[in-house]
Amino acid sequence: MPIAVDIDVMLARRKMSVGELADRVGITPANLAVLKNGRAKAVRFATLAALCEVLECQPGDLLRWEAEEAVDAAGG
C-alpha cells in the first residue's frame, strides 16, 4: 500500500509504549498494532485526531505517501 504509517517513530520520540498510547487514545492494543504495522485499510478521523493529540504531532507525522514503485522495489 502506498500509505506508510510512522506511529512507531512517534512512539520512540515520545518514549511511549504501544499499550500506553492505546489506553490514552481509547483503542485496543491489537487495533493500534494493526494500524501501526500498516495492515489497516482505513482510519477514522476521530482516531487520527486522538493519536495526534496524545502524541502532540500532525497527521503528516504519522502518515506519508510512498510511490508504488518504491514499495514494489522494497519488496512490499
Protein backbone atom coordinates (compact mmCIF):
# COMPACT_ATOMS: atom_id res chain seq x y z
CA MET A 1 0.00 0.00 0.00
CA PRO A 2 1.42 3.42 -0.86
CA ILE A 3 0.49 4.92 2.53
CA ALA A 4 3.17 4.30 5.15
CA VAL A 5 2.41 4.61 8.86
CA ASP A 6 5.08 6.06 11.17
CA ILE A 7 3.40 5.64 14.55
CA ASP A 8 6.40 3.67 15.79
CA VAL A 9 8.67 6.65 15.05
CA MET A 10 6.48 8.97 17.12
CA LEU A 11 6.23 6.40 19.92
CA ALA A 12 10.02 6.23 20.09
CA ARG A 13 10.33 10.04 20.08
CA ARG A 14 7.79 10.30 22.90
CA LYS A 15 9.25 7.30 24.79
CA MET A 16 5.77 5.81 24.96
CA SER A 17 4.65 2.18 24.74
CA VAL A 18 2.00 0.84 22.40
CA GLY A 19 -0.10 -0.11 25.42
CA GLU A 20 0.07 3.38 26.90
CA LEU A 21 -0.80 5.01 23.57
CA ALA A 22 -3.73 2.64 23.02
CA ASP A 23 -5.03 3.35 26.52
CA ARG A 24 -4.74 7.12 26.13
CA VAL A 25 -6.32 7.10 22.65
CA GLY A 26 -9.11 4.72 23.68
CA ILE A 27 -8.48 1.83 21.27
CA THR A 28 -7.31 -1.71 21.87
CA PRO A 29 -3.60 -2.51 21.64
CA ALA A 30 -4.49 -5.05 18.91
CA ASN A 31 -6.21 -2.38 16.79
CA LEU A 32 -3.33 0.01 17.33
CA ALA A 33 -0.89 -2.72 16.24
CA VAL A 34 -2.89 -3.25 13.03
CA LEU A 35 -2.67 0.47 12.30
CA LYS A 36 0.97 0.77 13.37
CA ASN A 37 2.07 -2.15 11.20
CA GLY A 38 0.36 -0.76 8.10
CA ARG A 39 -2.29 -3.50 7.88
CA ALA A 40 -5.29 -1.19 8.41
CA LYS A 41 -7.50 -0.44 5.42
CA ALA A 42 -8.86 2.76 6.97
CA VAL A 43 -8.54 5.03 9.98
CA ARG A 44 -11.29 7.17 11.46
CA PHE A 45 -10.55 10.88 11.62
CA ALA A 46 -11.52 10.79 15.31
CA THR A 47 -8.84 8.14 15.92
CA LEU A 48 -6.28 10.07 13.89
CA ALA A 49 -7.12 13.24 15.83
CA ALA A 50 -6.76 11.40 19.15
CA LEU A 51 -3.39 9.96 18.08
CA CYS A 52 -2.20 13.44 17.12
CA GLU A 53 -3.43 14.92 20.40
CA VAL A 54 -1.74 12.28 22.55
CA LEU A 55 1.49 12.25 20.52
CA GLU A 56 1.45 16.05 20.10
CA CYS A 57 2.01 15.84 16.36
CA GLN A 58 0.39 16.48 12.98
CA PRO A 59 -1.29 13.81 10.80
CA GLY A 60 1.64 14.11 8.37
CA ASP A 61 3.96 12.97 11.15
CA LEU A 62 2.05 9.68 11.29
CA LEU A 63 1.11 9.06 7.65
CA ARG A 64 3.06 9.51 4.43
CA TRP A 65 2.59 8.56 0.81
CA GLU A 66 5.13 6.38 -0.97
CA ALA A 67 5.15 5.81 -4.73
CA GLU A 68 4.09 2.29 -5.73
CA GLU A 69 7.44 1.73 -7.48
CA ALA A 70 9.31 2.37 -4.23
CA VAL A 71 7.05 -0.09 -2.39
CA ASP A 72 7.47 -2.74 -5.11
CA ALA A 73 11.26 -2.29 -5.22
CA ALA A 74 11.46 -2.69 -1.45
CA GLY A 75 9.63 -6.00 -1.64
CA GLY A 76 6.39 -4.62 -0.24
